[in-house]
Protein backbone atom coordinates (compact mmCIF):
# COMPACT_ATOMS: atom_id res chain seq x y z
CA MET A 1 -1.06 12.06 10.43
CA PHE A 2 -1.92 8.45 9.50
CA GLN A 3 0.09 6.63 12.19
CA GLU A 4 -2.84 5.08 14.12
CA LEU A 5 -4.70 4.13 10.95
CA LEU A 6 -1.62 2.49 9.44
CA LYS A 7 -0.97 0.59 12.66
CA ASP A 8 -4.57 -0.61 12.56
CA VAL A 9 -4.11 -1.75 8.95
CA VAL A 10 -0.99 -3.76 9.84
CA GLU A 11 -2.46 -5.26 13.00
CA SER A 12 -5.78 -6.14 11.31
CA ALA A 13 -4.16 -8.02 8.44
CA ASP A 14 -2.99 -11.52 9.31
CA GLY A 15 0.74 -11.50 8.65
CA GLY A 16 0.93 -7.70 8.32
CA VAL A 17 4.41 -6.25 8.81
CA ALA A 18 4.35 -2.62 7.63
CA SER A 19 2.26 -0.02 5.85
CA LEU A 20 2.69 3.46 4.44
CA VAL A 21 0.92 6.29 2.67
CA MET A 22 2.99 7.79 -0.12
CA ASP A 23 2.57 10.04 -3.13
CA LEU A 24 3.43 8.88 -6.63
CA ASP A 25 6.71 10.80 -6.51
CA GLY A 26 7.94 8.60 -3.65
CA ILE A 27 7.40 11.07 -0.80
CA THR A 28 6.11 9.33 2.33
CA LEU A 29 3.34 11.02 4.29
CA ASP A 30 3.41 8.48 7.13
CA SER A 31 4.31 4.88 7.85
CA TYR A 32 4.10 2.17 10.47
CA THR A 33 6.41 -0.82 10.79
CA LYS A 34 6.32 -3.59 13.38
CA PRO A 35 9.44 -3.46 15.56
CA ASP A 36 10.72 -6.85 14.37
CA ALA A 37 10.43 -6.11 10.62
CA ALA A 38 13.52 -7.07 8.63
CA PHE A 39 13.12 -4.54 5.80
CA ASP A 40 12.64 -0.84 5.18
CA ILE A 41 9.07 0.00 4.10
CA MET A 42 10.25 3.39 2.82
CA THR A 43 12.53 1.75 0.25
CA VAL A 44 9.75 -0.64 -0.74
CA GLY A 45 7.38 2.31 -1.19
CA ILE A 46 9.80 4.32 -3.30
CA GLU A 47 10.32 1.39 -5.65
CA LEU A 48 6.57 0.75 -5.76
CA SER A 49 5.84 4.34 -6.76
CA VAL A 50 7.63 3.67 -10.06
CA VAL A 51 5.64 0.46 -10.61
CA ILE A 52 2.34 2.16 -9.81
CA LYS A 53 3.01 5.03 -12.21
CA ALA A 54 3.75 2.49 -14.94
CA ALA A 55 0.60 0.48 -14.15
CA LYS A 56 -1.54 3.63 -14.23
CA GLN A 57 0.02 4.67 -17.54
CA ALA A 58 -0.53 1.21 -19.04
CA ALA A 59 -4.18 1.20 -17.95
CA THR A 60 -4.66 4.60 -19.57
CA MET A 61 -2.99 3.54 -22.82
CA LEU A 62 -5.06 0.34 -22.94
CA GLU A 63 -8.23 2.28 -22.08
CA THR A 64 -9.08 -0.19 -19.30
CA GLY A 65 -10.06 2.38 -16.69
CA GLU A 66 -8.36 3.59 -13.54
CA THR A 67 -5.89 1.39 -11.67
CA SER A 68 -7.23 0.67 -8.18
CA GLU A 69 -4.97 -2.06 -6.81
CA VAL A 70 -1.57 -3.62 -7.44
CA ALA A 71 -0.12 -6.75 -5.80
CA ILE A 72 3.52 -7.81 -5.71
CA LEU A 73 4.01 -11.38 -4.49
CA ALA A 74 7.65 -12.29 -3.90
CA ASP A 75 9.36 -15.11 -2.01
CA LYS A 76 10.14 -13.02 1.08
CA LEU A 77 7.49 -10.29 1.02
CA VAL A 78 3.96 -9.75 -0.26
CA THR A 79 2.96 -6.13 -0.83
CA LEU A 80 -0.50 -4.88 -1.70
CA VAL A 81 -1.07 -1.37 -2.96
CA ARG A 82 -4.40 0.43 -3.03
CA ILE A 83 -4.81 3.78 -4.78
CA ILE A 84 -6.27 6.41 -2.43
CA THR A 85 -6.49 9.41 -4.77
CA GLU A 86 -4.99 10.34 -8.11
CA ASP A 87 -1.74 11.24 -6.34
CA TYR A 88 -1.55 8.97 -3.27
CA PHE A 89 -1.48 5.28 -2.46
CA VAL A 90 -1.32 3.03 0.59
CA ALA A 91 0.93 -0.03 0.66
CA LEU A 92 0.67 -2.96 3.05
CA SER A 93 3.46 -5.53 3.29
CA LEU A 94 2.83 -9.03 4.61
CA GLU A 95 4.96 -11.99 5.54
CA PRO A 96 4.88 -14.80 2.99
CA GLY A 97 1.83 -16.90 3.80
CA GLY A 98 -0.05 -13.88 5.17
CA ASN A 99 -3.77 -13.68 4.47
CA VAL A 100 -3.85 -11.70 1.22
CA GLY A 101 -7.66 -11.76 1.00
CA LYS A 102 -8.09 -10.25 4.43
CA ALA A 103 -5.35 -7.70 3.71
CA ARG A 104 -7.17 -6.62 0.54
CA TYR A 105 -10.38 -6.24 2.56
CA VAL A 106 -8.62 -4.21 5.26
CA LEU A 107 -7.14 -1.83 2.69
CA ARG A 108 -10.41 -1.48 0.77
CA THR A 109 -12.31 -0.58 3.94
CA ARG A 110 -9.69 1.89 5.27
CA VAL A 111 -9.03 3.81 2.03
CA PRO A 112 -12.16 6.02 2.31
CA GLN A 113 -10.96 7.29 5.69
CA MET A 114 -7.50 7.98 4.24
CA ALA A 115 -9.05 9.81 1.28
CA ALA A 116 -11.05 11.97 3.68
CA GLU A 117 -7.84 12.84 5.58
CA LEU A 118 -6.16 13.91 2.34
CA SER A 119 -8.96 16.22 1.22
């Protein structure tokens, strides 16, 4: 469903390794991982779904508006998450040192197409 778009996201982001579209319950709609990736994007996504739910709940409780983006920067993996709809998100994982700014731009510009696919 999203395979070509996710591949484009990974290939367009400097240092991109994998990407997926998932619902907030941890069910993957589609994913793309470069062949040489050393981790499982599905596991990353499932764990992120818990973090995203918590971030959305915190934003609601604090009355700060809707959560639109979450970034997890770790020693071995950088993962950016962009909310697509109320129930779905896209995650993009990068190698450490990857271009986070460009990755954010790539996600921001591809999310409207993903939202259209989901409606």
